[in-house]
Amino acid sequence: MDLKLENKKVFISSGDTDLGAACVVEFLNEGSQVITTISSNKKINKLFKEFKFDPSSANLAVIKKDVTLEKDRIELLPQITSTDILINHSPGPIQGNFLKWTEDEWLRSLQRNLLSNIEMIKLVIPEMQKRNAGKILNISSMSAIYPIMDFELSTVARTGLEGFVKSIAKKTDYPGISINNILPGYFLTKSLENFLNSLDEDEKNKKYKELLSNIPIGRFGMPEEFAKSCCFLCSDHAGFFSGQSFLINGGQCY
């Protein structure tokens, strides 16, 4: 299937995460022009090697900025506002006991995983309105629908984003613009590997089996298949989807 993403301008935040880098690679494979923000050149280059991707000849701009910060969004305003496709992505907050989290930790989580996404959406919509075209996809988490124990920081921010997207997608002010969320479950990423490797061998094997037992399809997701799903949802073939939250979690429902 030709997704017709060639020469589309794509802005992807947090391209130095497994899922972010996979999206960068897949959009480039589709012929898109990609701008991605990162916190570490070392991390994204390592991920490119793991994906067996050579970025040297790609139509790619890698910028060391953090769009959860207002000052960085202002500096990147021309690149953000001119994009055809916006992929909002921020690494999730920490897990823990909500009784011990401070107000600052709650506010930081809301800023990174909710409010900054809203600010990015506000920046791209006016130019998309002029073109009567645009795709916005927020990489969120299945915790927006199925809360995960000890991840309340994530759950609160993700459910807020889901409600916001469903609300604005109902407006008739944005013809031609689709706004959706994609909610990944457990993917074979470095953060998952690091978590499992932090356990002793017996506990690691027990946790691995426990996580898989909750996934009906019987395996973890792969970043590459996640990225292909994102490309489809940002193509004209998915242009009639809007205000939706797409679970991609192997059928897990708890």
C-alpha atoms as a PDB file:
ATOM      1  CA  MET A   1       0.000   0.000   0.000  1.00  0.00           C
ATOM      2  CA  ASP A   2       1.319   3.401  -0.978  1.00  0.00           C
ATOM      3  CA  LEU A   3       0.793   5.640   2.059  1.00  0.00           C
ATOM      4  CA  LYS A   4       1.537   8.744  -0.037  1.00  0.00           C
ATOM      5  CA  LEU A   5       3.800  10.193   2.650  1.00  0.00           C
ATOM      6  CA  GLU A   6       6.550  11.180   0.232  1.00  0.00           C
ATOM      7  CA  ASN A   7       7.788  14.763   0.819  1.00  0.00           C
ATOM      8  CA  LYS A   8       5.372  15.249   3.725  1.00  0.00           C
ATOM      9  CA  LYS A   9       6.889  17.403   6.461  1.00  0.00           C
ATOM     10  CA  VAL A  10       6.870  15.436   9.715  1.00  0.00           C
ATOM     11  CA  PHE A  11       7.781  16.763  13.157  1.00  0.00           C
ATOM     12  CA  ILE A  12       8.524  14.061  15.753  1.00  0.00           C
ATOM     13  CA  SER A  13       9.434  14.944  19.323  1.00  0.00           C
ATOM     14  CA  SER A  14      11.656  12.672  21.442  1.00  0.00           C
ATOM     15  CA  GLY A  15      13.224  10.898  18.485  1.00  0.00           C
ATOM     16  CA  ASP A  16      15.901   9.418  20.742  1.00  0.00           C
ATOM     17  CA  THR A  17      13.492   6.945  22.362  1.00  0.00           C
ATOM     18  CA  ASP A  18      12.877   3.490  20.898  1.00  0.00           C
ATOM     19  CA  LEU A  19       9.377   4.307  19.665  1.00  0.00           C
ATOM     20  CA  GLY A  20      10.372   7.811  18.573  1.00  0.00           C
ATOM     21  CA  ALA A  21      13.403   6.617  16.613  1.00  0.00           C
ATOM     22  CA  ALA A  22      11.368   3.837  15.007  1.00  0.00           C
ATOM     23  CA  CYS A  23       8.889   6.472  13.795  1.00  0.00           C
ATOM     24  CA  VAL A  24      11.717   8.632  12.447  1.00  0.00           C
ATOM     25  CA  VAL A  25      13.108   5.685  10.467  1.00  0.00           C
ATOM     26  CA  GLU A  26       9.735   4.557   9.120  1.00  0.00           C
ATOM     27  CA  PHE A  27       8.644   8.014   7.961  1.00  0.00           C
ATOM     28  CA  LEU A  28      12.011   8.467   6.259  1.00  0.00           C
ATOM     29  CA  ASN A  29      11.569   5.088   4.571  1.00  0.00           C
ATOM     30  CA  GLU A  30       8.259   6.410   3.269  1.00  0.00           C
ATOM     31  CA  GLY A  31      10.062   9.396   1.739  1.00  0.00           C
ATOM     32  CA  SER A  32       8.969  12.025   4.250  1.00  0.00           C
ATOM     33  CA  GLN A  33      10.995  15.041   5.355  1.00  0.00           C
ATOM     34  CA  VAL A  34      11.537  14.552   9.080  1.00  0.00           C
ATOM     35  CA  ILE A  35      12.512  16.920  11.873  1.00  0.00           C
ATOM     36  CA  THR A  36      13.017  15.345  15.271  1.00  0.00           C
ATOM     37  CA  THR A  37      13.946  16.735  18.656  1.00  0.00           C
ATOM     38  CA  ILE A  38      16.260  14.791  20.944  1.00  0.00           C
ATOM     39  CA  SER A  39      18.050  15.028  24.262  1.00  0.00           C
ATOM     40  CA  SER A  40      21.025  12.871  23.220  1.00  0.00           C
ATOM     41  CA  ASN A  41      22.791  12.428  19.870  1.00  0.00           C
ATOM     42  CA  LYS A  42      24.457   9.310  21.261  1.00  0.00           C
ATOM     43  CA  LYS A  43      21.114   7.670  22.012  1.00  0.00           C
ATOM     44  CA  ILE A  44      19.528   8.311  18.631  1.00  0.00           C
ATOM     45  CA  ASN A  45      22.635   7.195  16.732  1.00  0.00           C
ATOM     46  CA  LYS A  46      22.715   3.987  18.772  1.00  0.00           C
ATOM     47  CA  LEU A  47      19.055   3.376  17.972  1.00  0.00           C
ATOM     48  CA  PHE A  48      19.666   4.004  14.263  1.00  0.00           C
ATOM     49  CA  LYS A  49      22.356   1.303  14.350  1.00  0.00           C
ATOM     50  CA  GLU A  50      19.990  -1.105  16.066  1.00  0.00           C
ATOM     51  CA  PHE A  51      17.386  -0.433  13.378  1.00  0.00           C
ATOM     52  CA  LYS A  52      20.117  -0.897  10.738  1.00  0.00           C
ATOM     53  CA  PHE A  53      19.414   2.564   9.386  1.00  0.00           C
ATOM     54  CA  ASP A  54      21.915   4.960   7.831  1.00  0.00           C
ATOM     55  CA  PRO A  55      20.697   8.541   8.394  1.00  0.00           C
ATOM     56  CA  SER A  56      23.495  10.163   6.379  1.00  0.00           C
ATOM     57  CA  SER A  57      21.548  10.326   3.121  1.00  0.00           C
ATOM     58  CA  ALA A  58      18.102  10.805   4.667  1.00  0.00           C
ATOM     59  CA  ASN A  59      15.993  13.952   4.563  1.00  0.00           C
ATOM     60  CA  LEU A  60      16.409  14.357   8.309  1.00  0.00           C
ATOM     61  CA  ALA A  61      17.081  17.217  10.714  1.00  0.00           C
ATOM     62  CA  VAL A  62      17.983  16.233  14.267  1.00  0.00           C
ATOM     63  CA  ILE A  63      17.697  19.075  16.773  1.00  0.00           C
ATOM     64  CA  LYS A  64      18.785  18.939  20.396  1.00  0.00           C
ATOM     65  CA  LYS A  65      15.767  20.665  21.941  1.00  0.00           C
ATOM     66  CA  ASP A  66      12.993  19.836  24.389  1.00  0.00           C
ATOM     67  CA  VAL A  67       9.542  20.905  23.170  1.00  0.00           C
ATOM     68  CA  THR A  68       8.086  20.441  26.641  1.00  0.00           C
ATOM     69  CA  LEU A  69       9.870  23.743  27.394  1.00  0.00           C
ATOM     70  CA  GLU A  70       8.284  26.956  26.119  1.00  0.00           C
ATOM     71  CA  LYS A  71      11.617  28.553  25.211  1.00  0.00           C
ATOM     72  CA  ASP A  72      12.507  25.630  22.941  1.00  0.00           C
ATOM     73  CA  ARG A  73       9.083  25.663  21.293  1.00  0.00           C
ATOM     74  CA  ILE A  74       9.539  29.365  20.534  1.00  0.00           C
ATOM     75  CA  GLU A  75      12.972  28.725  18.975  1.00  0.00           C
ATOM     76  CA  LEU A  76      11.513  25.958  16.805  1.00  0.00           C
ATOM     77  CA  LEU A  77       8.377  27.841  15.814  1.00  0.00           C
ATOM     78  CA  PRO A  78       9.050  27.916  12.014  1.00  0.00           C
ATOM     79  CA  GLN A  79       9.735  24.165  11.940  1.00  0.00           C
ATOM     80  CA  ILE A  80       6.729  23.326  14.103  1.00  0.00           C
ATOM     81  CA  THR A  81       4.139  25.487  12.376  1.00  0.00           C
ATOM     82  CA  SER A  82       5.099  24.407   8.833  1.00  0.00           C
ATOM     83  CA  THR A  83       4.683  20.681   9.478  1.00  0.00           C
ATOM     84  CA  ASP A  84       2.109  18.507   7.701  1.00  0.00           C
ATOM     85  CA  ILE A  85       2.236  15.804  10.356  1.00  0.00           C
ATOM     86  CA  LEU A  86       2.868  16.269  14.073  1.00  0.00           C
ATOM     87  CA  ILE A  87       3.884  13.327  16.240  1.00  0.00           C
ATOM     88  CA  ASN A  88       3.751  14.338  19.903  1.00  0.00           C
ATOM     89  CA  HIS A  89       5.857  12.079  22.091  1.00  0.00           C
ATOM     90  CA  SER A  90       7.356  12.461  25.553  1.00  0.00           C
ATOM     91  CA  PRO A  91       8.855   9.687  27.697  1.00  0.00           C
ATOM     92  CA  GLY A  92       6.506   8.624  30.466  1.00  0.00           C
ATOM     93  CA  PRO A  93       6.880   9.641  34.105  1.00  0.00           C
ATOM     94  CA  ILE A  94       8.265   7.434  36.851  1.00  0.00           C
ATOM     95  CA  GLN A  95       6.317   4.796  38.728  1.00  0.00           C
ATOM     96  CA  GLY A  96       5.960   4.761  42.487  1.00  0.00           C
ATOM     97  CA  ASN A  97       3.734   5.355  45.480  1.00  0.00           C
ATOM     98  CA  PHE A  98       1.414   8.304  44.862  1.00  0.00           C
ATOM     99  CA  LEU A  99       1.412   9.075  48.597  1.00  0.00           C
ATOM    100  CA  LYS A 100       5.087  10.026  48.293  1.00  0.00           C
ATOM    101  CA  TRP A 101       4.910  12.182  45.161  1.00  0.00           C
ATOM    102  CA  THR A 102       5.230  15.912  45.659  1.00  0.00           C
ATOM    103  CA  GLU A 103       3.119  18.584  44.017  1.00  0.00           C
ATOM    104  CA  ASP A 104       6.121  19.502  41.853  1.00  0.00           C
ATOM    105  CA  GLU A 105       6.338  15.918  40.560  1.00  0.00           C
ATOM    106  CA  TRP A 106       2.647  15.957  39.639  1.00  0.00           C
ATOM    107  CA  LEU A 107       3.001  19.301  37.873  1.00  0.00           C
ATOM    108  CA  ARG A 108       6.124  18.163  36.017  1.00  0.00           C
ATOM    109  CA  SER A 109       4.312  15.065  34.765  1.00  0.00           C
ATOM    110  CA  LEU A 110       1.313  17.091  33.630  1.00  0.00           C
ATOM    111  CA  GLN A 111       3.581  19.575  31.882  1.00  0.00           C
ATOM    112  CA  ARG A 112       5.554  16.923  29.994  1.00  0.00           C
ATOM    113  CA  ASN A 113       2.783  14.474  29.124  1.00  0.00           C
ATOM    114  CA  LEU A 114      -0.294  16.681  28.798  1.00  0.00           C
ATOM    115  CA  LEU A 115       0.188  20.444  28.647  1.00  0.00           C
ATOM    116  CA  SER A 116       3.171  20.482  26.270  1.00  0.00           C
ATOM    117  CA  ASN A 117       1.209  18.272  23.831  1.00  0.00           C
ATOM    118  CA  ILE A 118      -1.662  20.745  23.944  1.00  0.00           C
ATOM    119  CA  GLU A 119       0.728  23.647  23.316  1.00  0.00           C
ATOM    120  CA  MET A 120       2.211  21.865  20.295  1.00  0.00           C
ATOM    121  CA  ILE A 121      -1.267  21.209  18.903  1.00  0.00           C
ATOM    122  CA  LYS A 122      -2.137  24.886  19.346  1.00  0.00           C
ATOM    123  CA  LEU A 123       0.960  25.842  17.344  1.00  0.00           C
ATOM    124  CA  VAL A 124       0.312  23.609  14.323  1.00  0.00           C
ATOM    125  CA  ILE A 125      -3.448  23.985  13.881  1.00  0.00           C
ATOM    126  CA  PRO A 126      -3.573  27.555  12.439  1.00  0.00           C
ATOM    127  CA  GLU A 127      -1.341  26.701   9.453  1.00  0.00           C
ATOM    128  CA  MET A 128      -3.081  23.351   8.994  1.00  0.00           C
ATOM    129  CA  GLN A 129      -6.383  25.230   8.913  1.00  0.00           C
ATOM    130  CA  LYS A 130      -5.118  27.367   6.032  1.00  0.00           C
ATOM    131  CA  ARG A 131      -4.300  24.204   4.078  1.00  0.00           C
ATOM    132  CA  ASN A 132      -7.441  22.329   5.182  1.00  0.00           C
ATOM    133  CA  ALA A 133      -5.133  19.405   5.839  1.00  0.00           C
ATOM    134  CA  GLY A 134      -3.005  17.997   8.612  1.00  0.00           C
ATOM    135  CA  LYS A 135      -2.422  15.009  10.829  1.00  0.00           C
ATOM    136  CA  ILE A 136      -1.753  15.108  14.576  1.00  0.00           C
ATOM    137  CA  LEU A 137      -0.916  11.912  16.435  1.00  0.00           C
ATOM    138  CA  ASN A 138      -0.137  11.814  20.148  1.00  0.00           C
ATOM    139  CA  ILE A 139       1.898   8.854  21.360  1.00  0.00           C
ATOM    140  CA  SER A 140       0.343   8.194  24.743  1.00  0.00           C
ATOM    141  CA  SER A 141      -0.072   4.963  26.731  1.00  0.00           C
ATOM    142  CA  MET A 142      -2.627   2.234  27.265  1.00  0.00           C
ATOM    143  CA  SER A 143      -2.766   3.506  30.866  1.00  0.00           C
ATOM    144  CA  ALA A 144      -5.207   6.127  29.532  1.00  0.00           C
ATOM    145  CA  ILE A 145      -7.786   3.322  29.294  1.00  0.00           C
ATOM    146  CA  TYR A 146      -6.333   0.559  31.469  1.00  0.00           C
ATOM    147  CA  PRO A 147      -4.562   2.158  34.455  1.00  0.00           C
ATOM    148  CA  ILE A 148      -1.344   0.417  35.449  1.00  0.00           C
ATOM    149  CA  MET A 149      -0.622   0.030  39.152  1.00  0.00           C
ATOM    150  CA  ASP A 150       1.914   2.544  40.510  1.00  0.00           C
ATOM    151  CA  PHE A 151       1.802   4.586  37.279  1.00  0.00           C
ATOM    152  CA  GLU A 152      -0.740   7.151  38.465  1.00  0.00           C
ATOM    153  CA  LEU A 153       1.457  10.030  37.266  1.00  0.00           C
ATOM    154  CA  SER A 154       1.140   8.640  33.775  1.00  0.00           C
ATOM    155  CA  THR A 155      -2.520   7.705  34.048  1.00  0.00           C
ATOM    156  CA  VAL A 156      -3.654  11.166  35.124  1.00  0.00           C
ATOM    157  CA  ALA A 157      -1.775  12.939  32.313  1.00  0.00           C
ATOM    158  CA  ARG A 158      -2.745  10.393  29.633  1.00  0.00           C
ATOM    159  CA  THR A 159      -6.457  10.390  30.490  1.00  0.00           C
ATOM    160  CA  GLY A 160      -6.397  14.182  30.420  1.00  0.00           C
ATOM    161  CA  LEU A 161      -4.892  14.134  26.917  1.00  0.00           C
ATOM    162  CA  GLU A 162      -7.465  11.609  25.733  1.00  0.00           C
ATOM    163  CA  GLY A 163     -10.305  13.801  26.984  1.00  0.00           C
ATOM    164  CA  PHE A 164      -8.801  16.882  25.354  1.00  0.00           C
ATOM    165  CA  VAL A 165      -8.406  15.191  21.970  1.00  0.00           C
ATOM    166  CA  LYS A 166     -11.953  13.796  22.000  1.00  0.00           C
ATOM    167  CA  SER A 167     -13.267  17.244  22.880  1.00  0.00           C
ATOM    168  CA  ILE A 168     -11.446  19.280  20.224  1.00  0.00           C
ATOM    169  CA  ALA A 169     -12.014  16.640  17.529  1.00  0.00           C
ATOM    170  CA  LYS A 170     -15.752  17.318  17.848  1.00  0.00           C
ATOM    171  CA  LYS A 171     -15.286  20.921  16.741  1.00  0.00           C
ATOM    172  CA  THR A 172     -16.134  21.749  13.139  1.00  0.00           C
ATOM    173  CA  ASP A 173     -13.453  24.467  12.981  1.00  0.00           C
ATOM    174  CA  TYR A 174     -10.763  22.116  11.658  1.00  0.00           C
ATOM    175  CA  PRO A 175     -11.910  20.470   8.408  1.00  0.00           C
ATOM    176  CA  GLY A 176      -9.275  18.205   6.911  1.00  0.00           C
ATOM    177  CA  ILE A 177      -7.315  17.927  10.183  1.00  0.00           C
ATOM    178  CA  SER A 178      -7.357  14.600  12.016  1.00  0.00           C
ATOM    179  CA  ILE A 179      -6.278  14.448  15.652  1.00  0.00           C
ATOM    180  CA  ASN A 180      -5.797  11.065  17.325  1.00  0.00           C
ATOM    181  CA  ASN A 181      -3.962   9.240  20.092  1.00  0.00           C
ATOM    182  CA  ILE A 182      -2.100   5.951  19.841  1.00  0.00           C
ATOM    183  CA  LEU A 183      -1.846   3.994  23.083  1.00  0.00           C
ATOM    184  CA  PRO A 184       1.035   1.500  23.186  1.00  0.00           C
ATOM    185  CA  GLY A 185       1.220  -1.335  25.662  1.00  0.00           C
ATOM    186  CA  TYR A 186       4.380  -3.297  26.399  1.00  0.00           C
ATOM    187  CA  PHE A 187       6.943  -2.975  23.613  1.00  0.00           C
ATOM    188  CA  LEU A 188      10.427  -4.427  23.558  1.00  0.00           C
ATOM    189  CA  THR A 189      12.199  -1.156  24.312  1.00  0.00           C
ATOM    190  CA  LYS A 190      15.318  -0.229  26.190  1.00  0.00           C
ATOM    191  CA  SER A 191      13.276   0.996  29.157  1.00  0.00           C
ATOM    192  CA  LEU A 192      11.546  -2.388  29.444  1.00  0.00           C
ATOM    193  CA  GLU A 193      14.839  -4.231  29.037  1.00  0.00           C
ATOM    194  CA  ASN A 194      16.515  -2.022  31.641  1.00  0.00           C
ATOM    195  CA  PHE A 195      13.659  -2.611  34.063  1.00  0.00           C
ATOM    196  CA  LEU A 196      13.855  -6.387  33.643  1.00  0.00           C
ATOM    197  CA  ASN A 197      17.662  -6.379  33.856  1.00  0.00           C
ATOM    198  CA  SER A 198      17.490  -4.440  37.128  1.00  0.00           C
ATOM    199  CA  LEU A 199      15.938  -7.519  38.767  1.00  0.00           C
ATOM    200  CA  ASP A 200      17.806 -10.587  39.943  1.00  0.00           C
ATOM    201  CA  GLU A 201      17.584 -13.595  37.620  1.00  0.00           C
ATOM    202  CA  ASP A 202      14.709 -15.381  39.358  1.00  0.00           C
ATOM    203  CA  GLU A 203      12.669 -12.199  39.767  1.00  0.00           C
ATOM    204  CA  LYS A 204      13.420 -11.218  36.165  1.00  0.00           C
ATOM    205  CA  ASN A 205      12.109 -14.529  34.788  1.00  0.00           C
ATOM    206  CA  LYS A 206       9.043 -14.318  37.008  1.00  0.00           C
ATOM    207  CA  LYS A 207       8.261 -10.755  35.922  1.00  0.00           C
ATOM    208  CA  TYR A 208       8.868 -11.565  32.244  1.00  0.00           C
ATOM    209  CA  LYS A 209       6.366 -14.443  32.379  1.00  0.00           C
ATOM    210  CA  GLU A 210       3.897 -12.326  34.354  1.00  0.00           C
ATOM    211  CA  LEU A 211       3.951  -9.509  31.802  1.00  0.00           C
ATOM    212  CA  LEU A 212       3.563 -11.891  28.864  1.00  0.00           C
ATOM    213  CA  SER A 213       0.723 -13.777  30.567  1.00  0.00           C
ATOM    214  CA  ASN A 214      -1.355 -10.573  30.438  1.00  0.00           C
ATOM    215  CA  ILE A 215      -0.848 -10.119  26.680  1.00  0.00           C
ATOM    216  CA  PRO A 216      -3.252 -12.396  24.773  1.00  0.00           C
ATOM    217  CA  ILE A 217      -1.167 -12.294  21.593  1.00  0.00           C
ATOM    218  CA  GLY A 218       1.685 -13.859  23.614  1.00  0.00           C
ATOM    219  CA  ARG A 219       4.590 -11.509  22.922  1.00  0.00           C
ATOM    220  CA  PHE A 220       5.841  -7.958  23.366  1.00  0.00           C
ATOM    221  CA  GLY A 221       5.367  -5.448  20.592  1.00  0.00           C
ATOM    222  CA  MET A 222       8.240  -4.395  18.353  1.00  0.00           C
ATOM    223  CA  PRO A 223       9.051  -0.692  17.795  1.00  0.00           C
ATOM    224  CA  GLU A 224       9.085  -1.205  14.024  1.00  0.00           C
ATOM    225  CA  GLU A 225       5.470  -2.414  13.913  1.00  0.00           C
ATOM    226  CA  PHE A 226       4.442   0.467  16.145  1.00  0.00           C
ATOM    227  CA  ALA A 227       6.051   2.924  13.717  1.00  0.00           C
ATOM    228  CA  LYS A 228       4.291   1.366  10.718  1.00  0.00           C
ATOM    229  CA  SER A 229       0.977   1.811  12.521  1.00  0.00           C
ATOM    230  CA  CYS A 230       1.801   5.471  13.148  1.00  0.00           C
ATOM    231  CA  CYS A 231       2.604   5.993   9.468  1.00  0.00           C
ATOM    232  CA  PHE A 232      -0.725   4.487   8.434  1.00  0.00           C
ATOM    233  CA  LEU A 233      -2.651   6.637  10.937  1.00  0.00           C
ATOM    234  CA  CYS A 234      -0.924   9.722   9.523  1.00  0.00           C
ATOM    235  CA  SER A 235      -1.672   8.820   5.906  1.00  0.00           C
ATOM    236  CA  ASP A 236      -4.670   9.869   3.821  1.00  0.00           C
ATOM    237  CA  HIS A 237      -5.905   6.267   4.036  1.00  0.00           C
ATOM    238  CA  ALA A 238      -6.727   7.009   7.697  1.00  0.00           C
ATOM    239  CA  GLY A 239      -8.071  10.493   7.052  1.00  0.00           C
ATOM    240  CA  PHE A 240     -11.582   9.686   8.323  1.00  0.00           C
ATOM    241  CA  PHE A 241     -10.293   8.791  11.801  1.00  0.00           C
ATOM    242  CA  SER A 242     -10.383  11.674  14.277  1.00  0.00           C
ATOM    243  CA  GLY A 243     -10.804  11.965  18.032  1.00  0.00           C
ATOM    244  CA  GLN A 244      -9.841   8.310  18.421  1.00  0.00           C
ATOM    245  CA  SER A 245      -7.514   6.491  20.813  1.00  0.00           C
ATOM    246  CA  PHE A 246      -5.990   3.433  19.159  1.00  0.00           C
ATOM    247  CA  LEU A 247      -4.807   0.686  21.489  1.00  0.00           C
ATOM    248  CA  ILE A 248      -1.774  -1.198  20.214  1.00  0.00           C
ATOM    249  CA  ASN A 249      -1.089  -3.628  23.033  1.00  0.00           C
ATOM    250  CA  GLY A 250      -1.606  -7.200  21.841  1.00  0.00           C
ATOM    251  CA  GLY A 251      -5.133  -7.351  23.245  1.00  0.00           C
ATOM    252  CA  GLN A 252      -4.158  -6.634  26.844  1.00  0.00           C
ATOM    253  CA  CYS A 253      -7.106  -5.278  28.827  1.00  0.00           C
ATOM    254  CA  TYR A 254      -5.790  -5.067  32.394  1.00  0.00           C
END
